[in-house]
Amino acid sequence: MLSLDKHAMFARAEGHSHPFSAIIRIKLLMDIIDSDHATCCSLKLRTMTTDERIMSFFPLHDYDKRDELMRVGHVYGVWCIGHGGS
């Protein structure tokens, strides 16, 4: 029988109340977005970035446009997504 270390299995990211660090959350989201699985998005972000489809929606590479968006209140950053716990 497989013996699991329950403390390791339910470990939390340092300084967080959940097991996912910012990097792991980004990797999970990228996998969900990119995967061809039936429950995923199947969007090929690398291709969409290379042919500049994504760049037109997220102008963070264009400093003038980015600064204008920031000025009018469009803030980008890491999202704090609830996990359904109380």
PDB file of N, CA and C in Angstrom:
ATOM      1  N   MET A   1       0.844  -1.180   0.000  1.00  0.00           N
ATOM      2  CA  MET A   1       0.000   0.000   0.000  1.00  0.00           C
ATOM      3  C   MET A   1       0.892   1.246   0.000  1.00  0.00           C
ATOM      4  N   LEU A   2       0.496   2.226  -0.778  1.00  0.00           N
ATOM      5  CA  LEU A   2       1.248   3.473  -0.894  1.00  0.00           C
ATOM      6  C   LEU A   2       1.058   4.306   0.365  1.00  0.00           C
ATOM      7  N   SER A   3       2.143   4.723   0.956  1.00  0.00           N
ATOM      8  CA  SER A   3       2.083   5.561   2.151  1.00  0.00           C
ATOM      9  C   SER A   3       2.332   7.007   1.743  1.00  0.00           C
ATOM     10  N   LEU A   4       1.362   7.853   1.989  1.00  0.00           N
ATOM     11  CA  LEU A   4       1.498   9.267   1.646  1.00  0.00           C
ATOM     12  C   LEU A   4       1.752  10.092   2.895  1.00  0.00           C
ATOM     13  N   ASP A   5       2.631  11.026   2.788  1.00  0.00           N
ATOM     14  CA  ASP A   5       2.872  11.971   3.865  1.00  0.00           C
ATOM     15  C   ASP A   5       1.788  13.042   3.759  1.00  0.00           C
ATOM     16  N   LYS A   6       0.792  12.959   4.644  1.00  0.00           N
ATOM     17  CA  LYS A   6      -0.348  13.880   4.552  1.00  0.00           C
ATOM     18  C   LYS A   6       0.064  15.335   4.742  1.00  0.00           C
ATOM     19  N   HIS A   7       1.094  15.570   5.530  1.00  0.00           N
ATOM     20  CA  HIS A   7       1.546  16.951   5.692  1.00  0.00           C
ATOM     21  C   HIS A   7       2.097  17.488   4.374  1.00  0.00           C
ATOM     22  N   ALA A   8       2.837  16.677   3.657  1.00  0.00           N
ATOM     23  CA  ALA A   8       3.378  17.105   2.361  1.00  0.00           C
ATOM     24  C   ALA A   8       2.261  17.236   1.335  1.00  0.00           C
ATOM     25  N   MET A   9       1.292  16.309   1.388  1.00  0.00           N
ATOM     26  CA  MET A   9       0.211  16.318   0.411  1.00  0.00           C
ATOM     27  C   MET A   9      -0.653  17.578   0.543  1.00  0.00           C
ATOM     28  N   PHE A  10      -0.837  18.059   1.768  1.00  0.00           N
ATOM     29  CA  PHE A  10      -1.673  19.234   1.999  1.00  0.00           C
ATOM     30  C   PHE A  10      -0.843  20.458   2.380  1.00  0.00           C
ATOM     31  N   ALA A  11       0.406  20.461   1.978  1.00  0.00           N
ATOM     32  CA  ALA A  11       1.291  21.583   2.294  1.00  0.00           C
ATOM     33  C   ALA A  11       0.781  22.857   1.628  1.00  0.00           C
ATOM     34  N   ARG A  12       1.027  23.960   2.266  1.00  0.00           N
ATOM     35  CA  ARG A  12       0.619  25.257   1.726  1.00  0.00           C
ATOM     36  C   ARG A  12       1.838  25.977   1.186  1.00  0.00           C
ATOM     37  N   ALA A  13       1.602  26.772   0.165  1.00  0.00           N
ATOM     38  CA  ALA A  13       2.683  27.608  -0.359  1.00  0.00           C
ATOM     39  C   ALA A  13       3.095  28.572   0.750  1.00  0.00           C
ATOM     40  N   GLU A  14       4.372  28.864   0.817  1.00  0.00           N
ATOM     41  CA  GLU A  14       4.885  29.720   1.886  1.00  0.00           C
ATOM     42  C   GLU A  14       4.157  31.059   1.910  1.00  0.00           C
ATOM     43  N   GLY A  15       3.594  31.383   3.072  1.00  0.00           N
ATOM     44  CA  GLY A  15       2.893  32.649   3.245  1.00  0.00           C
ATOM     45  C   GLY A  15       1.465  32.656   2.720  1.00  0.00           C
ATOM     46  N   HIS A  16       0.937  31.499   2.295  1.00  0.00           N
ATOM     47  CA  HIS A  16      -0.414  31.427   1.731  1.00  0.00           C
ATOM     48  C   HIS A  16      -1.282  30.449   2.514  1.00  0.00           C
ATOM     49  N   SER A  17      -2.596  30.583   2.370  1.00  0.00           N
ATOM     50  CA  SER A  17      -3.533  29.668   3.017  1.00  0.00           C
ATOM     51  C   SER A  17      -3.981  28.568   2.067  1.00  0.00           C
ATOM     52  N   HIS A  18      -3.281  28.420   0.946  1.00  0.00           N
ATOM     53  CA  HIS A  18      -3.618  27.416  -0.059  1.00  0.00           C
ATOM     54  C   HIS A  18      -2.328  26.767  -0.559  1.00  0.00           C
ATOM     55  N   PRO A  19      -2.438  25.634  -1.254  1.00  0.00           N
ATOM     56  CA  PRO A  19      -1.226  24.906  -1.660  1.00  0.00           C
ATOM     57  C   PRO A  19      -0.539  25.419  -2.921  1.00  0.00           C
ATOM     58  N   PHE A  20      -1.060  26.458  -3.554  1.00  0.00           N
ATOM     59  CA  PHE A  20      -0.533  26.861  -4.851  1.00  0.00           C
ATOM     60  C   PHE A  20       0.221  28.184  -4.793  1.00  0.00           C
ATOM     61  N   SER A  21       1.490  28.145  -5.135  1.00  0.00           N
ATOM     62  CA  SER A  21       2.262  29.382  -5.244  1.00  0.00           C
ATOM     63  C   SER A  21       1.809  30.119  -6.505  1.00  0.00           C
ATOM     64  N   ALA A  22       2.224  31.357  -6.666  1.00  0.00           N
ATOM     65  CA  ALA A  22       1.845  32.140  -7.849  1.00  0.00           C
ATOM     66  C   ALA A  22       2.298  31.448  -9.133  1.00  0.00           C
ATOM     67  N   ILE A  23       3.504  30.892  -9.135  1.00  0.00           N
ATOM     68  CA  ILE A  23       4.024  30.221 -10.333  1.00  0.00           C
ATOM     69  C   ILE A  23       3.190  28.987 -10.662  1.00  0.00           C
ATOM     70  N   ILE A  24       2.851  28.187  -9.650  1.00  0.00           N
ATOM     71  CA  ILE A  24       2.044  26.985  -9.880  1.00  0.00           C
ATOM     72  C   ILE A  24       0.662  27.371 -10.393  1.00  0.00           C
ATOM     73  N   ARG A  25       0.061  28.431  -9.862  1.00  0.00           N
ATOM     74  CA  ARG A  25      -1.250  28.880 -10.346  1.00  0.00           C
ATOM     75  C   ARG A  25      -1.183  29.269 -11.824  1.00  0.00           C
ATOM     76  N   ILE A  26      -0.142  29.997 -12.192  1.00  0.00           N
ATOM     77  CA  ILE A  26       0.018  30.399 -13.594  1.00  0.00           C
ATOM     78  C   ILE A  26       0.185  29.171 -14.478  1.00  0.00           C
ATOM     79  N   LYS A  27       1.007  28.213 -14.047  1.00  0.00           N
ATOM     80  CA  LYS A  27       1.213  26.993 -14.838  1.00  0.00           C
ATOM     81  C   LYS A  27      -0.084  26.207 -14.986  1.00  0.00           C
ATOM     82  N   LEU A  28      -0.863  26.087 -13.912  1.00  0.00           N
ATOM     83  CA  LEU A  28      -2.148  25.390 -13.988  1.00  0.00           C
ATOM     84  C   LEU A  28      -3.099  26.091 -14.959  1.00  0.00           C
ATOM     85  N   LEU A  29      -3.189  27.412 -14.853  1.00  0.00           N
ATOM     86  CA  LEU A  29      -4.055  28.167 -15.765  1.00  0.00           C
ATOM     87  C   LEU A  29      -3.615  28.010 -17.215  1.00  0.00           C
ATOM     88  N   MET A  30      -2.312  28.071 -17.449  1.00  0.00           N
ATOM     89  CA  MET A  30      -1.801  27.908 -18.815  1.00  0.00           C
ATOM     90  C   MET A  30      -2.136  26.518 -19.355  1.00  0.00           C
ATOM     91  N   ASP A  31      -2.012  25.489 -18.520  1.00  0.00           N
ATOM     92  CA  ASP A  31      -2.362  24.133 -18.950  1.00  0.00           C
ATOM     93  C   ASP A  31      -3.847  24.023 -19.279  1.00  0.00           C
ATOM     94  N   ILE A  32      -4.701  24.626 -18.455  1.00  0.00           N
ATOM     95  CA  ILE A  32      -6.147  24.584 -18.705  1.00  0.00           C
ATOM     96  C   ILE A  32      -6.486  25.332 -19.988  1.00  0.00           C
ATOM     97  N   ILE A  33      -5.887  26.481 -20.191  1.00  0.00           N
ATOM     98  CA  ILE A  33      -6.156  27.284 -21.387  1.00  0.00           C
ATOM     99  C   ILE A  33      -5.671  26.578 -22.645  1.00  0.00           C
ATOM    100  N   ASP A  34      -4.507  25.961 -22.579  1.00  0.00           N
ATOM    101  CA  ASP A  34      -3.853  25.389 -23.759  1.00  0.00           C
ATOM    102  C   ASP A  34      -4.285  23.958 -24.094  1.00  0.00           C
ATOM    103  N   SER A  35      -4.789  23.217 -23.115  1.00  0.00           N
ATOM    104  CA  SER A  35      -5.070  21.793 -23.299  1.00  0.00           C
ATOM    105  C   SER A  35      -6.206  21.531 -24.289  1.00  0.00           C
ATOM    106  N   ASP A  36      -6.080  20.415 -25.009  1.00  0.00           N
ATOM    107  CA  ASP A  36      -7.126  19.977 -25.939  1.00  0.00           C
ATOM    108  C   ASP A  36      -8.189  19.127 -25.250  1.00  0.00           C
ATOM    109  N   HIS A  37      -8.044  18.863 -23.966  1.00  0.00           N
ATOM    110  CA  HIS A  37      -9.005  18.045 -23.231  1.00  0.00           C
ATOM    111  C   HIS A  37     -10.395  18.672 -23.340  1.00  0.00           C
ATOM    112  N   ALA A  38     -11.427  17.849 -23.302  1.00  0.00           N
ATOM    113  CA  ALA A  38     -12.804  18.313 -23.498  1.00  0.00           C
ATOM    114  C   ALA A  38     -13.230  19.394 -22.506  1.00  0.00           C
ATOM    115  N   THR A  39     -12.678  19.386 -21.299  1.00  0.00           N
ATOM    116  CA  THR A  39     -13.082  20.370 -20.294  1.00  0.00           C
ATOM    117  C   THR A  39     -12.187  21.602 -20.268  1.00  0.00           C
ATOM    118  N   CYS A  40     -11.278  21.699 -21.219  1.00  0.00           N
ATOM    119  CA  CYS A  40     -10.338  22.826 -21.251  1.00  0.00           C
ATOM    120  C   CYS A  40     -10.637  23.751 -22.430  1.00  0.00           C
ATOM    121  N   CYS A  41      -9.859  24.801 -22.559  1.00  0.00           N
ATOM    122  CA  CYS A  41     -10.143  25.851 -23.541  1.00  0.00           C
ATOM    123  C   CYS A  41      -9.609  25.585 -24.943  1.00  0.00           C
ATOM    124  N   SER A  42      -8.509  24.862 -25.041  1.00  0.00           N
ATOM    125  CA  SER A  42      -7.894  24.547 -26.335  1.00  0.00           C
ATOM    126  C   SER A  42      -7.483  25.796 -27.119  1.00  0.00           C
ATOM    127  N   LEU A  43      -6.991  26.802 -26.412  1.00  0.00           N
ATOM    128  CA  LEU A  43      -6.461  27.997 -27.059  1.00  0.00           C
ATOM    129  C   LEU A  43      -4.948  27.880 -27.108  1.00  0.00           C
ATOM    130  N   LYS A  44      -4.374  28.074 -28.247  1.00  0.00           N
ATOM    131  CA  LYS A  44      -2.925  27.958 -28.410  1.00  0.00           C
ATOM    132  C   LYS A  44      -2.298  29.337 -28.215  1.00  0.00           C
ATOM    133  N   LEU A  45      -2.004  29.661 -26.954  1.00  0.00           N
ATOM    134  CA  LEU A  45      -1.526  31.002 -26.626  1.00  0.00           C
ATOM    135  C   LEU A  45      -0.201  31.341 -27.277  1.00  0.00           C
ATOM    136  N   ARG A  46       0.701  30.366 -27.401  1.00  0.00           N
ATOM    137  CA  ARG A  46       1.994  30.659 -28.027  1.00  0.00           C
ATOM    138  C   ARG A  46       1.777  31.096 -29.480  1.00  0.00           C
ATOM    139  N   THR A  47       0.917  30.399 -30.198  1.00  0.00           N
ATOM    140  CA  THR A  47       0.617  30.765 -31.586  1.00  0.00           C
ATOM    141  C   THR A  47      -0.090  32.116 -31.643  1.00  0.00           C
ATOM    142  N   MET A  48      -1.054  32.317 -30.740  1.00  0.00           N
ATOM    143  CA  MET A  48      -1.803  33.568 -30.735  1.00  0.00           C
ATOM    144  C   MET A  48      -0.916  34.757 -30.368  1.00  0.00           C
ATOM    145  N   THR A  49       0.120  34.514 -29.574  1.00  0.00           N
ATOM    146  CA  THR A  49       1.066  35.572 -29.235  1.00  0.00           C
ATOM    147  C   THR A  49       2.003  35.839 -30.402  1.00  0.00           C
ATOM    148  N   THR A  50       2.482  34.773 -31.031  1.00  0.00           N
ATOM    149  CA  THR A  50       3.406  34.911 -32.159  1.00  0.00           C
ATOM    150  C   THR A  50       2.767  35.671 -33.314  1.00  0.00           C
ATOM    151  N   ASP A  51       1.505  35.353 -33.631  1.00  0.00           N
ATOM    152  CA  ASP A  51       0.865  36.056 -34.750  1.00  0.00           C
ATOM    153  C   ASP A  51       0.148  37.336 -34.286  1.00  0.00           C
ATOM    154  N   GLU A  52       0.410  37.749 -33.045  1.00  0.00           N
ATOM    155  CA  GLU A  52      -0.003  39.031 -32.467  1.00  0.00           C
ATOM    156  C   GLU A  52      -1.503  39.195 -32.236  1.00  0.00           C
ATOM    157  N   ARG A  53      -2.268  38.098 -32.245  1.00  0.00           N
ATOM    158  CA  ARG A  53      -3.691  38.219 -31.911  1.00  0.00           C
ATOM    159  C   ARG A  53      -3.881  38.615 -30.451  1.00  0.00           C
ATOM    160  N   ILE A  54      -3.099  38.025 -29.568  1.00  0.00           N
ATOM    161  CA  ILE A  54      -3.199  38.352 -28.144  1.00  0.00           C
ATOM    162  C   ILE A  54      -2.703  39.767 -27.874  1.00  0.00           C
ATOM    163  N   MET A  55      -1.659  40.168 -28.552  1.00  0.00           N
ATOM    164  CA  MET A  55      -1.049  41.475 -28.315  1.00  0.00           C
ATOM    165  C   MET A  55      -2.040  42.617 -28.524  1.00  0.00           C
ATOM    166  N   SER A  56      -2.983  42.466 -29.429  1.00  0.00           N
ATOM    167  CA  SER A  56      -3.938  43.538 -29.676  1.00  0.00           C
ATOM    168  C   SER A  56      -4.932  43.683 -28.525  1.00  0.00           C
ATOM    169  N   PHE A  57      -5.161  42.613 -27.755  1.00  0.00           N
ATOM    170  CA  PHE A  57      -6.091  42.677 -26.629  1.00  0.00           C
ATOM    171  C   PHE A  57      -5.413  43.058 -25.322  1.00  0.00           C
ATOM    172  N   PHE A  58      -4.141  42.754 -25.198  1.00  0.00           N
ATOM    173  CA  PHE A  58      -3.390  43.045 -23.987  1.00  0.00           C
ATOM    174  C   PHE A  58      -2.151  43.857 -24.354  1.00  0.00           C
ATOM    175  N   PRO A  59      -2.292  45.181 -24.471  1.00  0.00           N
ATOM    176  CA  PRO A  59      -1.206  46.016 -24.995  1.00  0.00           C
ATOM    177  C   PRO A  59      -0.124  46.347 -23.966  1.00  0.00           C
ATOM    178  N   LEU A  60       0.225  45.391 -23.112  1.00  0.00           N
ATOM    179  CA  LEU A  60       1.220  45.673 -22.078  1.00  0.00           C
ATOM    180  C   LEU A  60       2.601  45.902 -22.660  1.00  0.00           C
ATOM    181  N   HIS A  61       2.823  45.488 -23.906  1.00  0.00           N
ATOM    182  CA  HIS A  61       4.100  45.712 -24.586  1.00  0.00           C
ATOM    183  C   HIS A  61       4.195  47.140 -25.130  1.00  0.00           C
ATOM    184  N   ASP A  62       3.044  47.802 -25.275  1.00  0.00           N
ATOM    185  CA  ASP A  62       2.983  49.175 -25.787  1.00  0.00           C
ATOM    186  C   ASP A  62       2.834  50.101 -24.580  1.00  0.00           C
ATOM    187  N   TYR A  63       3.935  50.704 -24.171  1.00  0.00           N
ATOM    188  CA  TYR A  63       3.948  51.467 -22.928  1.00  0.00           C
ATOM    189  C   TYR A  63       2.957  52.629 -22.925  1.00  0.00           C
ATOM    190  N   ASP A  64       2.773  53.305 -24.048  1.00  0.00           N
ATOM    191  CA  ASP A  64       1.825  54.422 -24.092  1.00  0.00           C
ATOM    192  C   ASP A  64       0.399  53.931 -23.857  1.00  0.00           C
ATOM    193  N   LYS A  65       0.010  52.850 -24.539  1.00  0.00           N
ATOM    194  CA  LYS A  65      -1.339  52.294 -24.355  1.00  0.00           C
ATOM    195  C   LYS A  65      -1.514  51.754 -22.942  1.00  0.00           C
ATOM    196  N   ARG A  66      -0.489  51.066 -22.436  1.00  0.00           N
ATOM    197  CA  ARG A  66      -0.553  50.516 -21.086  1.00  0.00           C
ATOM    198  C   ARG A  66      -0.735  51.625 -20.062  1.00  0.00           C
ATOM    199  N   ASP A  67       0.050  52.694 -20.199  1.00  0.00           N
ATOM    200  CA  ASP A  67      -0.038  53.799 -19.250  1.00  0.00           C
ATOM    201  C   ASP A  67      -1.399  54.480 -19.313  1.00  0.00           C
ATOM    202  N   GLU A  68      -1.967  54.592 -20.504  1.00  0.00           N
ATOM    203  CA  GLU A  68      -3.305  55.182 -20.647  1.00  0.00           C
ATOM    204  C   GLU A  68      -4.348  54.301 -19.960  1.00  0.00           C
ATOM    205  N   LEU A  69      -4.255  52.989 -20.140  1.00  0.00           N
ATOM    206  CA  LEU A  69      -5.184  52.080 -19.466  1.00  0.00           C
ATOM    207  C   LEU A  69      -5.052  52.187 -17.948  1.00  0.00           C
ATOM    208  N   MET A  70      -3.833  52.282 -17.467  1.00  0.00           N
ATOM    209  CA  MET A  70      -3.611  52.424 -16.030  1.00  0.00           C
ATOM    210  C   MET A  70      -4.196  53.747 -15.524  1.00  0.00           C
ATOM    211  N   ARG A  71      -4.058  54.796 -16.338  1.00  0.00           N
ATOM    212  CA  ARG A  71      -4.562  56.113 -15.944  1.00  0.00           C
ATOM    213  C   ARG A  71      -6.077  56.100 -15.776  1.00  0.00           C
ATOM    214  N   VAL A  72      -6.790  55.392 -16.646  1.00  0.00           N
ATOM    215  CA  VAL A  72      -8.255  55.365 -16.570  1.00  0.00           C
ATOM    216  C   VAL A  72      -8.773  54.252 -15.664  1.00  0.00           C
ATOM    217  N   GLY A  73      -7.867  53.509 -15.038  1.00  0.00           N
ATOM    218  CA  GLY A  73      -8.298  52.564 -14.015  1.00  0.00           C
ATOM    219  C   GLY A  73      -8.288  51.100 -14.377  1.00  0.00           C
ATOM    220  N   HIS A  74      -7.731  50.720 -15.508  1.00  0.00           N
ATOM    221  CA  HIS A  74      -7.643  49.305 -15.867  1.00  0.00           C
ATOM    222  C   HIS A  74      -6.341  48.755 -15.286  1.00  0.00           C
ATOM    223  N   VAL A  75      -6.448  48.052 -14.189  1.00  0.00           N
ATOM    224  CA  VAL A  75      -5.269  47.534 -13.505  1.00  0.00           C
ATOM    225  C   VAL A  75      -5.096  46.062 -13.852  1.00  0.00           C
ATOM    226  N   TYR A  76      -3.871  45.666 -14.128  1.00  0.00           N
ATOM    227  CA  TYR A  76      -3.577  44.259 -14.373  1.00  0.00           C
ATOM    228  C   TYR A  76      -2.690  43.748 -13.260  1.00  0.00           C
ATOM    229  N   GLY A  77      -2.713  42.460 -13.053  1.00  0.00           N
ATOM    230  CA  GLY A  77      -1.880  41.852 -12.017  1.00  0.00           C
ATOM    231  C   GLY A  77      -2.379  40.455 -11.708  1.00  0.00           C
ATOM    232  N   VAL A  78      -1.910  39.894 -10.616  1.00  0.00           N
ATOM    233  CA  VAL A  78      -2.325  38.556 -10.207  1.00  0.00           C
ATOM    234  C   VAL A  78      -3.722  38.646  -9.626  1.00  0.00           C
ATOM    235  N   TRP A  79      -4.604  37.757 -10.064  1.00  0.00           N
ATOM    236  CA  TRP A  79      -5.967  37.724  -9.552  1.00  0.00           C
ATOM    237  C   TRP A  79      -6.004  36.908  -8.279  1.00  0.00           C
ATOM    238  N   CYS A  80      -6.789  37.352  -7.317  1.00  0.00           N
ATOM    239  CA  CYS A  80      -7.036  36.570  -6.110  1.00  0.00           C
ATOM    240  C   CYS A  80      -8.352  35.835  -6.319  1.00  0.00           C
ATOM    241  N   ILE A  81      -8.258  34.561  -6.595  1.00  0.00           N
ATOM    242  CA  ILE A  81      -9.435  33.755  -6.898  1.00  0.00           C
ATOM    243  C   ILE A  81      -9.791  32.944  -5.664  1.00  0.00           C
ATOM    244  N   GLY A  82     -11.029  33.067  -5.206  1.00  0.00           N
ATOM    245  CA  GLY A  82     -11.479  32.301  -4.048  1.00  0.00           C
ATOM    246  C   GLY A  82     -11.499  30.817  -4.353  1.00  0.00           C
ATOM    247  N   HIS A  83     -11.411  30.017  -3.316  1.00  0.00           N
ATOM    248  CA  HIS A  83     -11.386  28.572  -3.504  1.00  0.00           C
ATOM    249  C   HIS A  83     -12.614  27.901  -2.925  1.00  0.00           C
ATOM    250  N   GLY A  84     -13.652  28.669  -2.582  1.00  0.00           N
ATOM    251  CA  GLY A  84     -14.910  28.099  -2.123  1.00  0.00           C
ATOM    252  C   GLY A  84     -14.933  27.730  -0.650  1.00  0.00           C
ATOM    253  N   GLY A  85     -13.833  27.922   0.035  1.00  0.00           N
ATOM    254  CA  GLY A  85     -13.789  27.604   1.467  1.00  0.00           C
ATOM    255  C   GLY A  85     -14.353  28.742   2.290  1.00  0.00           C
ATOM    256  N   SER A  86     -14.615  28.466   3.541  1.00  0.00           N
ATOM    257  CA  SER A  86     -15.140  29.531   4.401  1.00  0.00           C
ATOM    258  C   SER A  86     -14.111  29.979   5.401  1.00  0.00           C
TER     259      SER A  86
END
